[in-house]
Every structure is written in structure tokens, then in C-alpha cells.
């Protein structure tokens, strides 16, 4: 949910600027402006028709392609594995790629890169999503969102296979993988250790850029639990990781409480 909210916010901010600066100068621009009006009123299917026409009239119109990709993305339903929905996602990715190939200005390029990263993640194309989030981080080094997103991917790639192995062994949640089955622990450490560290590093970077990033804190807790369960030859290190995980839970709760108190105080001021 956090990824979708942040991506939607980024799109809204960029597209709002584009709407203000857009002026009709050609038949392609006329169709683009009609599409913008439909988009503003959430008539996405109608907007898509206008943007497609705009691109047909001028294949190098990166603004129209970006809006077309965004309209497709707005229609795309994360997690719905149906032919129609997958086609929408594929169409959006295709237009974002064209925006990149045509050399859009920085904001448009960043929008397209984030668009591909977001859709790839929703389609479970994790390696592609990670690559594009890294490109987004290169384009905007002060944005914590790409680092957070890479960390989420890393956790997803380590958590699922580890849980499958634990299920095969019939382990209870409180039981330690290293203690119960050292061989399986060694196998999972070999597969997951580098990814786990990459996740911790990326969440750390996100928190450097946004110290009160409570979602990143929550995932730091989860990542340290991943690491604790593959500390195969060092039980003390596993205990340290579990303590670090608990500390991140406390930090997360403290930040969430602080944000809630500030929000309540702000509401009272308004009234």
C-alpha cells in the first residue's frame, strides 16, 4: 500500500505541473489537451483514446506518451492476474519505455523509470523492478522511496523461500532454524545473506534521507529477523539481531505515535 500511495503522489505532483504548462500548438497537442481534461475528471478510458490519438499524430510527443502510460497505470489493478489487467500493465510499461528512449526531460524520465519499477514490482518481476528503482535513485539521490522499495523487494525475495523451508520442517514461529536444522540454515544463508544485507543497507539509506520513515523502520525489524534465522554458526549474533529487530519495533511505534499526536494537534488548531 505504501508503494502505491507514494507512486500515486509522485504522479499527481508531476502531472499537475504538466497540466499548468500544457498549451495546444498542433493537432497532436489538441488531442493531448482533450486527454488532459478527461484525465482530470478521472475519465481514464476517454483520456486513453485522446492520448493514443495524440501519439499517433506525433510519435515523439513524450508528454502524451507519459500521460498515456499513467492512464493505463491508473486502470491497472495490482494483484489481479487477468489477461486484460496484465495487458494494461504491459501497455503502460511500453509507453514508459518509449518516454525513456525518446529522452524526456529529467522529471519525465524519473516518472517513467518509477512507473516501470512500480509496475514490475506489482507483476512480481522483482529483478527488473530492483534495476529500475536503482535507476530512479541515480536520477534523484535525495529521494528515499527507491531505496525503501528495493528493501521491500529484498525482504520479499528472502522471506518467502525461508518460510517455505520452515514449513517443510514443521517449525513453530518461536523455533530457530539454525538450532533445528543446521543444513537447511546453511543452504538458506547461502541464498539469502547477500540479499538480506542489501535490504538492510537500502532501508538504512532511506532512513538517512527521511529519519522518521516509519514504514522503513518496520521493514528493518523484519530484515533483522531474516538475518537472525540464518546466523547458522553464531547463536549470539542471532540473539543480537533479534534484539535489534525488537528495537526497530519500538522505534516504529514511537514515530507512529509522534506523528499521530502531531496530526491531532494540527486538527485541533484548525478547529
Protein backbone atom coordinates (compact mmCIF):
# COMPACT_ATOMS: atom_id res chain seq x y z
CA UNK A 1 0.00 0.00 0.00
CA UNK A 2 2.81 2.44 0.85
CA UNK A 3 4.41 1.91 -2.56
CA UNK A 4 1.15 2.62 -4.38
CA UNK A 5 0.49 5.76 -2.29
CA UNK A 6 3.96 7.16 -2.88
CA UNK A 7 3.86 6.41 -6.61
CA UNK A 8 0.39 7.99 -6.93
CA UNK A 9 1.58 11.10 -5.07
CA UNK A 10 4.62 11.44 -7.33
CA UNK A 11 2.43 11.13 -10.44
CA UNK A 12 -0.07 13.68 -9.16
CA UNK A 13 2.65 16.25 -8.42
CA UNK A 14 4.34 15.81 -11.81
CA UNK A 15 1.12 15.77 -13.82
CA UNK A 16 -0.21 18.85 -12.04
CA UNK A 17 2.85 20.77 -13.28
CA UNK A 18 2.38 19.38 -16.77
CA UNK A 19 -1.26 20.48 -16.86
CA UNK A 20 -0.36 24.04 -15.94
CA UNK A 21 2.35 24.26 -18.62
CA UNK A 22 0.45 22.47 -21.39
CA UNK A 23 -0.67 24.53 -24.39
CA UNK A 24 -2.20 23.37 -27.67
CA UNK A 25 0.02 24.07 -30.69
CA UNK A 26 -0.76 21.25 -33.15
CA UNK A 27 -3.37 18.54 -33.81
CA UNK A 28 -1.36 16.24 -31.55
CA UNK A 29 -1.41 18.89 -28.82
CA UNK A 30 -5.16 19.38 -29.31
CA UNK A 31 -5.73 15.69 -28.64
CA UNK A 32 -3.33 15.86 -25.72
CA UNK A 33 -5.28 18.72 -24.11
CA UNK A 34 -8.57 16.86 -24.59
CA UNK A 35 -6.96 13.86 -22.92
CA UNK A 36 -5.74 16.02 -20.04
CA UNK A 37 -9.26 17.31 -19.43
CA UNK A 38 -10.66 13.77 -19.43
CA UNK A 39 -7.84 12.64 -17.13
CA UNK A 40 -8.53 15.49 -14.68
CA UNK A 41 -12.12 14.25 -14.40
CA UNK A 42 -10.97 10.62 -13.94
CA UNK A 43 -12.44 9.60 -17.30
CA UNK A 44 -9.44 7.39 -17.95
CA UNK A 45 -10.82 5.35 -20.85
CA UNK A 46 -11.72 8.52 -22.73
CA UNK A 47 -8.36 10.04 -21.81
CA UNK A 48 -6.57 6.99 -23.20
CA UNK A 49 -8.32 7.42 -26.55
CA UNK A 50 -7.18 11.04 -26.81
CA UNK A 51 -3.60 10.29 -25.73
CA UNK A 52 -3.38 7.39 -28.18
CA UNK A 53 -4.54 9.73 -30.95
CA UNK A 54 -2.03 12.36 -29.85
CA UNK A 55 0.80 9.82 -30.04
CA UNK A 56 -0.44 8.60 -33.40
CA UNK A 57 -0.27 12.16 -34.75
CA UNK A 58 3.17 12.82 -33.20
CA UNK A 59 5.13 9.76 -32.12
CA UNK A 60 7.77 11.91 -30.37
CA UNK A 61 5.25 13.60 -28.05
CA UNK A 62 6.70 12.43 -24.74
CA UNK A 63 4.10 14.29 -22.67
CA UNK A 64 1.29 12.41 -24.40
CA UNK A 65 3.13 9.11 -24.02
CA UNK A 66 3.70 9.79 -20.34
CA UNK A 67 0.06 10.62 -19.76
CA UNK A 68 -0.98 7.57 -21.79
CA UNK A 69 1.24 5.34 -19.65
CA UNK A 70 -0.12 6.95 -16.49
CA UNK A 71 -3.73 6.50 -17.59
CA UNK A 72 -3.03 2.82 -18.24
CA UNK A 73 -1.42 2.60 -14.79
CA UNK A 74 -4.47 4.18 -13.17
CA UNK A 75 -6.62 1.45 -14.73
CA UNK A 76 -4.23 -1.31 -13.69
CA UNK A 77 -5.28 -3.29 -10.59
CA UNK A 78 -2.31 -4.54 -8.50
CA UNK A 79 -2.52 -8.26 -7.79
CA UNK A 80 -5.25 -9.00 -10.35
CA UNK A 81 -3.72 -11.69 -12.57
CA UNK A 82 -6.13 -11.49 -15.52
CA UNK A 83 -5.36 -11.14 -19.25
CA UNK A 84 -6.99 -7.70 -19.51
CA UNK A 85 -5.24 -6.36 -16.43
CA UNK A 86 -1.87 -7.77 -17.49
CA UNK A 87 -2.36 -6.16 -20.90
CA UNK A 88 -2.94 -2.78 -19.25
CA UNK A 89 0.27 -3.17 -17.28
CA UNK A 90 2.21 -4.19 -20.39
CA UNK A 91 0.85 -1.22 -22.36
CA UNK A 92 1.84 1.17 -19.58
CA UNK A 93 5.37 -0.26 -19.42
CA UNK A 94 5.70 0.00 -23.20
CA UNK A 95 4.82 3.71 -23.14
CA UNK A 96 7.12 4.42 -20.20
CA UNK A 97 9.94 2.73 -22.12
CA UNK A 98 9.25 4.92 -25.15
CA UNK A 99 9.41 8.03 -22.95
CA UNK A 100 12.87 6.93 -21.78
CA UNK A 101 14.03 6.07 -25.31
CA UNK A 102 12.89 9.45 -26.62
CA UNK A 103 14.98 11.23 -23.97
CA UNK A 104 12.35 13.08 -21.96
CA UNK A 105 13.42 15.84 -19.57
CA UNK A 106 14.51 14.81 -16.08
CA UNK A 107 11.10 14.86 -14.36
CA UNK A 108 9.50 12.92 -17.19
CA UNK A 109 12.37 10.45 -17.25
CA UNK A 110 12.12 9.92 -13.48
CA UNK A 111 8.36 9.44 -13.76
CA UNK A 112 8.82 6.82 -16.48
CA UNK A 113 11.56 4.96 -14.59
CA UNK A 114 9.47 4.88 -11.41
CA UNK A 115 6.46 3.78 -13.43
CA UNK A 116 8.27 0.75 -14.83
CA UNK A 117 9.73 -0.06 -11.40
CA UNK A 118 6.31 0.11 -9.73
CA UNK A 119 4.54 -2.00 -12.36
CA UNK A 120 7.36 -4.55 -12.48
CA UNK A 121 7.09 -4.95 -8.72
CA UNK A 122 3.32 -5.43 -8.90
CA UNK A 123 3.82 -8.05 -11.63
CA UNK A 124 6.43 -9.80 -9.43
CA UNK A 125 9.24 -9.10 -11.89
CA UNK A 126 11.50 -8.43 -8.95
CA UNK A 127 14.88 -8.16 -10.66
CA UNK A 128 13.54 -5.72 -13.24
CA UNK A 129 11.81 -3.70 -10.52
CA UNK A 130 15.03 -3.55 -8.49
CA UNK A 131 17.01 -2.39 -11.53
CA UNK A 132 14.60 0.43 -12.28
CA UNK A 133 14.38 1.56 -8.66
CA UNK A 134 18.18 1.79 -8.72
CA UNK A 135 17.93 3.94 -11.84
CA UNK A 136 15.39 6.13 -10.02
CA UNK A 137 17.81 6.51 -7.11
CA UNK A 138 20.53 7.61 -9.54
CA UNK A 139 18.20 10.23 -11.06
CA UNK A 140 17.17 11.62 -7.67
CA UNK A 141 19.70 10.84 -4.95
CA UNK A 142 17.67 12.66 -2.27
CA UNK A 143 14.53 10.55 -2.67
CA UNK A 144 14.19 7.79 -0.03
CA UNK A 145 11.40 5.95 -1.86
CA UNK A 146 13.55 3.95 -4.33
CA UNK A 147 15.80 2.71 -1.52
CA UNK A 148 12.75 1.70 0.51
CA UNK A 149 11.27 -0.10 -2.49
CA UNK A 150 14.48 -2.04 -3.15
CA UNK A 151 14.49 -3.08 0.50
CA UNK A 152 10.90 -4.33 0.21
CA UNK A 153 11.90 -6.41 -2.81
CA UNK A 154 14.88 -7.84 -0.92
CA UNK A 155 12.68 -8.82 2.02
CA UNK A 156 10.13 -10.45 -0.29
CA UNK A 157 12.87 -12.48 -2.00
CA UNK A 158 14.27 -13.76 1.31
CA UNK A 159 11.14 -14.20 3.43
CA UNK A 160 9.08 -16.42 1.13
CA UNK A 161 11.67 -19.16 0.47
CA UNK A 162 12.77 -19.19 4.11
CA UNK A 163 9.18 -19.62 5.26
CA UNK A 164 8.70 -22.46 2.78
CA UNK A 165 11.71 -24.28 4.21
CA UNK A 166 10.50 -23.71 7.76
CA UNK A 167 7.09 -25.11 6.81
CA UNK A 168 8.69 -28.26 5.37
CA UNK A 169 10.45 -28.78 8.71
CA UNK A 170 7.28 -28.12 10.69
CA UNK A 171 8.92 -25.31 12.66
CA UNK A 172 6.85 -23.21 15.03
CA UNK A 173 7.26 -19.39 14.82
CA UNK A 174 9.33 -19.28 18.01
CA UNK A 175 11.67 -22.09 16.91
CA UNK A 176 15.10 -21.24 15.49
CA UNK A 177 16.09 -22.59 12.08
CA UNK A 178 19.82 -22.79 12.99
CA UNK A 179 19.06 -24.84 16.11
CA UNK A 180 16.60 -27.23 14.45
CA UNK A 181 18.29 -27.88 11.11
CA UNK A 182 21.83 -26.55 10.56
CA UNK A 183 22.00 -27.95 6.99
CA UNK A 184 18.86 -26.10 5.87
CA UNK A 185 20.11 -23.00 7.68
CA UNK A 186 23.39 -23.13 5.75
CA UNK A 187 21.51 -23.50 2.47
CA UNK A 188 19.24 -20.52 3.19
CA UNK A 189 22.19 -18.43 4.38
CA UNK A 190 23.95 -19.10 1.09
CA UNK A 191 20.88 -17.98 -0.85
CA UNK A 192 19.75 -15.07 1.29
CA UNK A 193 22.68 -13.49 3.13
CA UNK A 194 23.76 -11.02 0.43
CA UNK A 195 20.13 -10.04 -0.29
CA UNK A 196 19.42 -9.53 3.41
CA UNK A 197 22.41 -7.22 3.77
CA UNK A 198 21.38 -5.33 0.64
CA UNK A 199 17.93 -4.82 2.17
CA UNK A 200 19.35 -3.53 5.45
CA UNK A 201 21.67 -1.18 3.55
CA UNK A 202 18.80 0.22 1.46
CA UNK A 203 16.47 0.72 4.41
CA UNK A 204 19.35 2.44 6.21
CA UNK A 205 19.80 4.78 3.24
CA UNK A 206 16.08 5.54 3.17
CA UNK A 207 16.20 6.39 6.88
CA UNK A 208 19.22 8.63 6.39
CA UNK A 209 17.19 10.63 3.91
CA UNK A 210 13.97 10.50 5.96
CA UNK A 211 14.71 9.83 9.64
CA UNK A 212 11.03 9.46 10.59
CA UNK A 213 10.27 6.95 7.80
CA UNK A 214 8.24 4.55 9.94
CA UNK A 215 7.49 2.10 7.11
CA UNK A 216 11.23 1.66 6.53
CA UNK A 217 11.69 1.15 10.28
CA UNK A 218 9.04 -1.57 10.28
CA UNK A 219 10.85 -3.38 7.48
CA UNK A 220 14.19 -3.02 9.27
CA UNK A 221 12.61 -5.05 12.07
CA UNK A 222 11.60 -7.73 9.56
CA UNK A 223 15.00 -7.76 7.85
CA UNK A 224 16.86 -8.27 11.12
CA UNK A 225 14.58 -11.23 11.84
CA UNK A 226 15.53 -12.62 8.44
CA UNK A 227 19.20 -12.30 9.35
CA UNK A 228 18.72 -13.81 12.81
CA UNK A 229 17.28 -17.00 11.30
CA UNK A 230 20.35 -17.60 9.11
CA UNK A 231 23.04 -16.94 11.75
CA UNK A 232 23.87 -20.62 11.47
CA UNK A 233 27.20 -20.78 13.32
CA UNK A 234 26.79 -17.83 15.68
CA UNK A 235 23.84 -18.05 18.10
CA UNK A 236 24.97 -14.88 19.87
CA UNK A 237 24.79 -12.93 16.58
CA UNK A 238 21.29 -14.29 16.07
CA UNK A 239 20.26 -13.04 19.51
CA UNK A 240 21.77 -9.63 18.72
CA UNK A 241 19.76 -9.49 15.50
CA UNK A 242 16.53 -10.33 17.35
CA UNK A 243 17.27 -7.59 19.88
CA UNK A 244 17.91 -5.14 17.03
CA UNK A 245 14.59 -6.21 15.47
CA UNK A 246 12.75 -5.52 18.74
CA UNK A 247 14.46 -2.13 18.97
CA UNK A 248 13.17 -1.26 15.49
CA UNK A 249 9.65 -2.23 16.57
CA UNK A 250 9.94 0.22 19.48
CA UNK A 251 11.28 2.95 17.19
CA UNK A 252 8.46 2.36 14.70
CA UNK A 253 5.78 2.61 17.38
CA UNK A 254 7.36 5.76 18.84
CA UNK A 255 7.46 7.52 15.45
CA UNK A 256 3.90 6.48 14.60
CA UNK A 257 2.72 7.78 17.99
CA UNK A 258 4.56 11.07 17.46
CA UNK A 259 3.05 11.52 14.00
CA UNK A 260 -0.42 10.77 15.33
CA UNK A 261 -0.03 13.28 18.16
CA UNK A 262 1.17 15.95 15.73
CA UNK A 263 -1.74 15.24 13.39
CA UNK A 264 -4.24 15.50 16.26
CA UNK A 265 -2.65 18.75 17.45
CA UNK A 266 -2.86 20.16 13.91
CA UNK A 267 -6.55 19.21 13.63
CA UNK A 268 -7.27 20.96 16.93
CA UNK A 269 -5.50 24.10 15.69
CA UNK A 270 -7.64 24.13 12.55
CA UNK A 271 -10.81 23.96 14.63
